[in-house]
Every structure is written in C-alpha cells, then in structure tokens.
Amino acid sequence: MAMPAGEIEALIKAALPDAQVTIEDLAGDGDHYAATVVSEAFRGRSRVQQHQLVYAALQGRMGGALHALALQTSAP
C-alpha cells in the first residue's frame, strides 16, 4: 500500500507547522522515501528526539502505509 509524498509532507507540517519539508521517492514505488525536515522544534533536541517527533507526526503509518523513510532533521 503506497503513500503519496504529499501526504507525508502534510502530516509532518500539521504536527510541525514551521517545518521546511523535502520528500524524495527513492525507488519510485511510493514506499521508500527520504525526507529532510528543518524545524525550530528540533532546537536543543537530540537526533533521536528529532526523529521521534517526525515519526509521531506520521501517526503510526511507519511500517504500514509507509515502508521506509530515511530522515535528515535539523534546526534552522
């Protein structure tokens, strides 16, 4: 079950409204993506905490509708 890149971006921006989000479909199959997310919410947080915020934004879709997501996160 593929997930459109626009849906991933919308979910992340809903949880992190200031986020700059770039999504790339790595395999062209709608299941394997790379995301770069820049948000002030990440400032002062560890990389693991930053990634946890993004995974929470995806509302449980990781491992289901979304098979793989390579993340790069940072504060502006």
C-alpha atoms as a PDB file:
ATOM      1  CA  MET A   1       0.000   0.000   0.000  1.00  0.00           C
ATOM      2  CA  ALA A   2       1.784   3.120  -1.248  1.00  0.00           C
ATOM      3  CA  MET A   3       1.645   6.509   0.433  1.00  0.00           C
ATOM      4  CA  PRO A   4       1.873   9.722  -1.626  1.00  0.00           C
ATOM      5  CA  ALA A   5       4.750  12.090  -0.848  1.00  0.00           C
ATOM      6  CA  GLY A   6       2.260  14.937  -0.428  1.00  0.00           C
ATOM      7  CA  GLU A   7       0.523  13.079   2.380  1.00  0.00           C
ATOM      8  CA  ILE A   8       3.813  12.570   4.226  1.00  0.00           C
ATOM      9  CA  GLU A   9       4.599  16.265   3.887  1.00  0.00           C
ATOM     10  CA  ALA A  10       1.097  17.276   5.048  1.00  0.00           C
ATOM     11  CA  LEU A  11       1.276  15.075   8.143  1.00  0.00           C
ATOM     12  CA  ILE A  12       4.674  16.455   9.123  1.00  0.00           C
ATOM     13  CA  LYS A  13       3.595  20.065   8.556  1.00  0.00           C
ATOM     14  CA  ALA A  14       0.405  19.510  10.562  1.00  0.00           C
ATOM     15  CA  ALA A  15       2.495  18.474  13.579  1.00  0.00           C
ATOM     16  CA  LEU A  16       5.387  20.889  12.934  1.00  0.00           C
ATOM     17  CA  PRO A  17       3.781  23.936  11.237  1.00  0.00           C
ATOM     18  CA  ASP A  18       7.072  25.827  10.800  1.00  0.00           C
ATOM     19  CA  ALA A  19       8.812  22.851   9.180  1.00  0.00           C
ATOM     20  CA  GLN A  20      10.540  23.037   5.836  1.00  0.00           C
ATOM     21  CA  VAL A  21       9.960  19.570   4.368  1.00  0.00           C
ATOM     22  CA  THR A  22      11.529  17.971   1.309  1.00  0.00           C
ATOM     23  CA  ILE A  23      10.402  14.481   0.301  1.00  0.00           C
ATOM     24  CA  GLU A  24      12.120  12.269  -2.288  1.00  0.00           C
ATOM     25  CA  ASP A  25      10.694   8.959  -3.538  1.00  0.00           C
ATOM     26  CA  LEU A  26      13.834   6.811  -3.579  1.00  0.00           C
ATOM     27  CA  ALA A  27      12.508   3.826  -5.532  1.00  0.00           C
ATOM     28  CA  GLY A  28       9.580   5.316  -7.422  1.00  0.00           C
ATOM     29  CA  ASP A  29       7.233   2.904  -5.664  1.00  0.00           C
ATOM     30  CA  GLY A  30       5.612   5.159  -3.065  1.00  0.00           C
ATOM     31  CA  ASP A  31       7.042   3.016  -0.266  1.00  0.00           C
ATOM     32  CA  HIS A  32      10.663   4.155   0.084  1.00  0.00           C
ATOM     33  CA  TYR A  33      11.250   7.823   0.816  1.00  0.00           C
ATOM     34  CA  ALA A  34      13.925  10.182   2.053  1.00  0.00           C
ATOM     35  CA  ALA A  35      12.783  13.245   3.991  1.00  0.00           C
ATOM     36  CA  THR A  36      14.661  16.343   5.049  1.00  0.00           C
ATOM     37  CA  VAL A  37      12.863  18.235   7.806  1.00  0.00           C
ATOM     38  CA  VAL A  38      14.050  21.553   9.240  1.00  0.00           C
ATOM     39  CA  SER A  39      12.101  22.906  12.224  1.00  0.00           C
ATOM     40  CA  GLU A  40      12.686  25.178  15.189  1.00  0.00           C
ATOM     41  CA  ALA A  41      11.038  22.431  17.283  1.00  0.00           C
ATOM     42  CA  PHE A  42      14.254  20.413  16.867  1.00  0.00           C
ATOM     43  CA  ARG A  43      16.488  23.002  18.534  1.00  0.00           C
ATOM     44  CA  GLY A  44      18.133  21.588  21.663  1.00  0.00           C
ATOM     45  CA  ARG A  45      16.880  18.061  20.992  1.00  0.00           C
ATOM     46  CA  SER A  46      18.982  15.011  20.206  1.00  0.00           C
ATOM     47  CA  ARG A  47      18.812  13.455  16.740  1.00  0.00           C
ATOM     48  CA  VAL A  48      16.781  10.570  18.197  1.00  0.00           C
ATOM     49  CA  GLN A  49      14.277  13.005  19.747  1.00  0.00           C
ATOM     50  CA  GLN A  50      14.016  14.879  16.436  1.00  0.00           C
ATOM     51  CA  HIS A  51      13.253  11.668  14.577  1.00  0.00           C
ATOM     52  CA  GLN A  52      10.720  10.660  17.230  1.00  0.00           C
ATOM     53  CA  LEU A  53       8.852  13.929  16.606  1.00  0.00           C
ATOM     54  CA  VAL A  54       8.672  13.152  12.889  1.00  0.00           C
ATOM     55  CA  TYR A  55       7.562   9.551  13.474  1.00  0.00           C
ATOM     56  CA  ALA A  56       4.859  10.800  15.856  1.00  0.00           C
ATOM     57  CA  ALA A  57       3.684  13.202  13.146  1.00  0.00           C
ATOM     58  CA  LEU A  58       3.207  10.227  10.808  1.00  0.00           C
ATOM     59  CA  GLN A  59       0.560   8.861  13.199  1.00  0.00           C
ATOM     60  CA  GLY A  60       1.542   5.200  13.125  1.00  0.00           C
ATOM     61  CA  ARG A  61       1.887   4.902   9.346  1.00  0.00           C
ATOM     62  CA  MET A  62       5.565   3.832   9.529  1.00  0.00           C
ATOM     63  CA  GLY A  63       5.823   0.129   8.822  1.00  0.00           C
ATOM     64  CA  GLY A  64       2.319   0.068   7.326  1.00  0.00           C
ATOM     65  CA  ALA A  65       1.366   2.500   4.571  1.00  0.00           C
ATOM     66  CA  LEU A  66       4.913   3.846   4.663  1.00  0.00           C
ATOM     67  CA  HIS A  67       7.528   1.104   4.429  1.00  0.00           C
ATOM     68  CA  ALA A  68      10.800   3.072   4.686  1.00  0.00           C
ATOM     69  CA  LEU A  69      11.740   6.646   5.479  1.00  0.00           C
ATOM     70  CA  ALA A  70      15.334   7.882   5.610  1.00  0.00           C
ATOM     71  CA  LEU A  71      15.323  11.013   7.769  1.00  0.00           C
ATOM     72  CA  GLN A  72      17.568  14.030   7.950  1.00  0.00           C
ATOM     73  CA  THR A  73      16.466  16.526  10.591  1.00  0.00           C
ATOM     74  CA  SER A  74      17.873  19.808  11.858  1.00  0.00           C
ATOM     75  CA  ALA A  75      17.007  23.136  13.421  1.00  0.00           C
ATOM     76  CA  PRO A  76      17.202  26.210  11.146  1.00  0.00           C
END
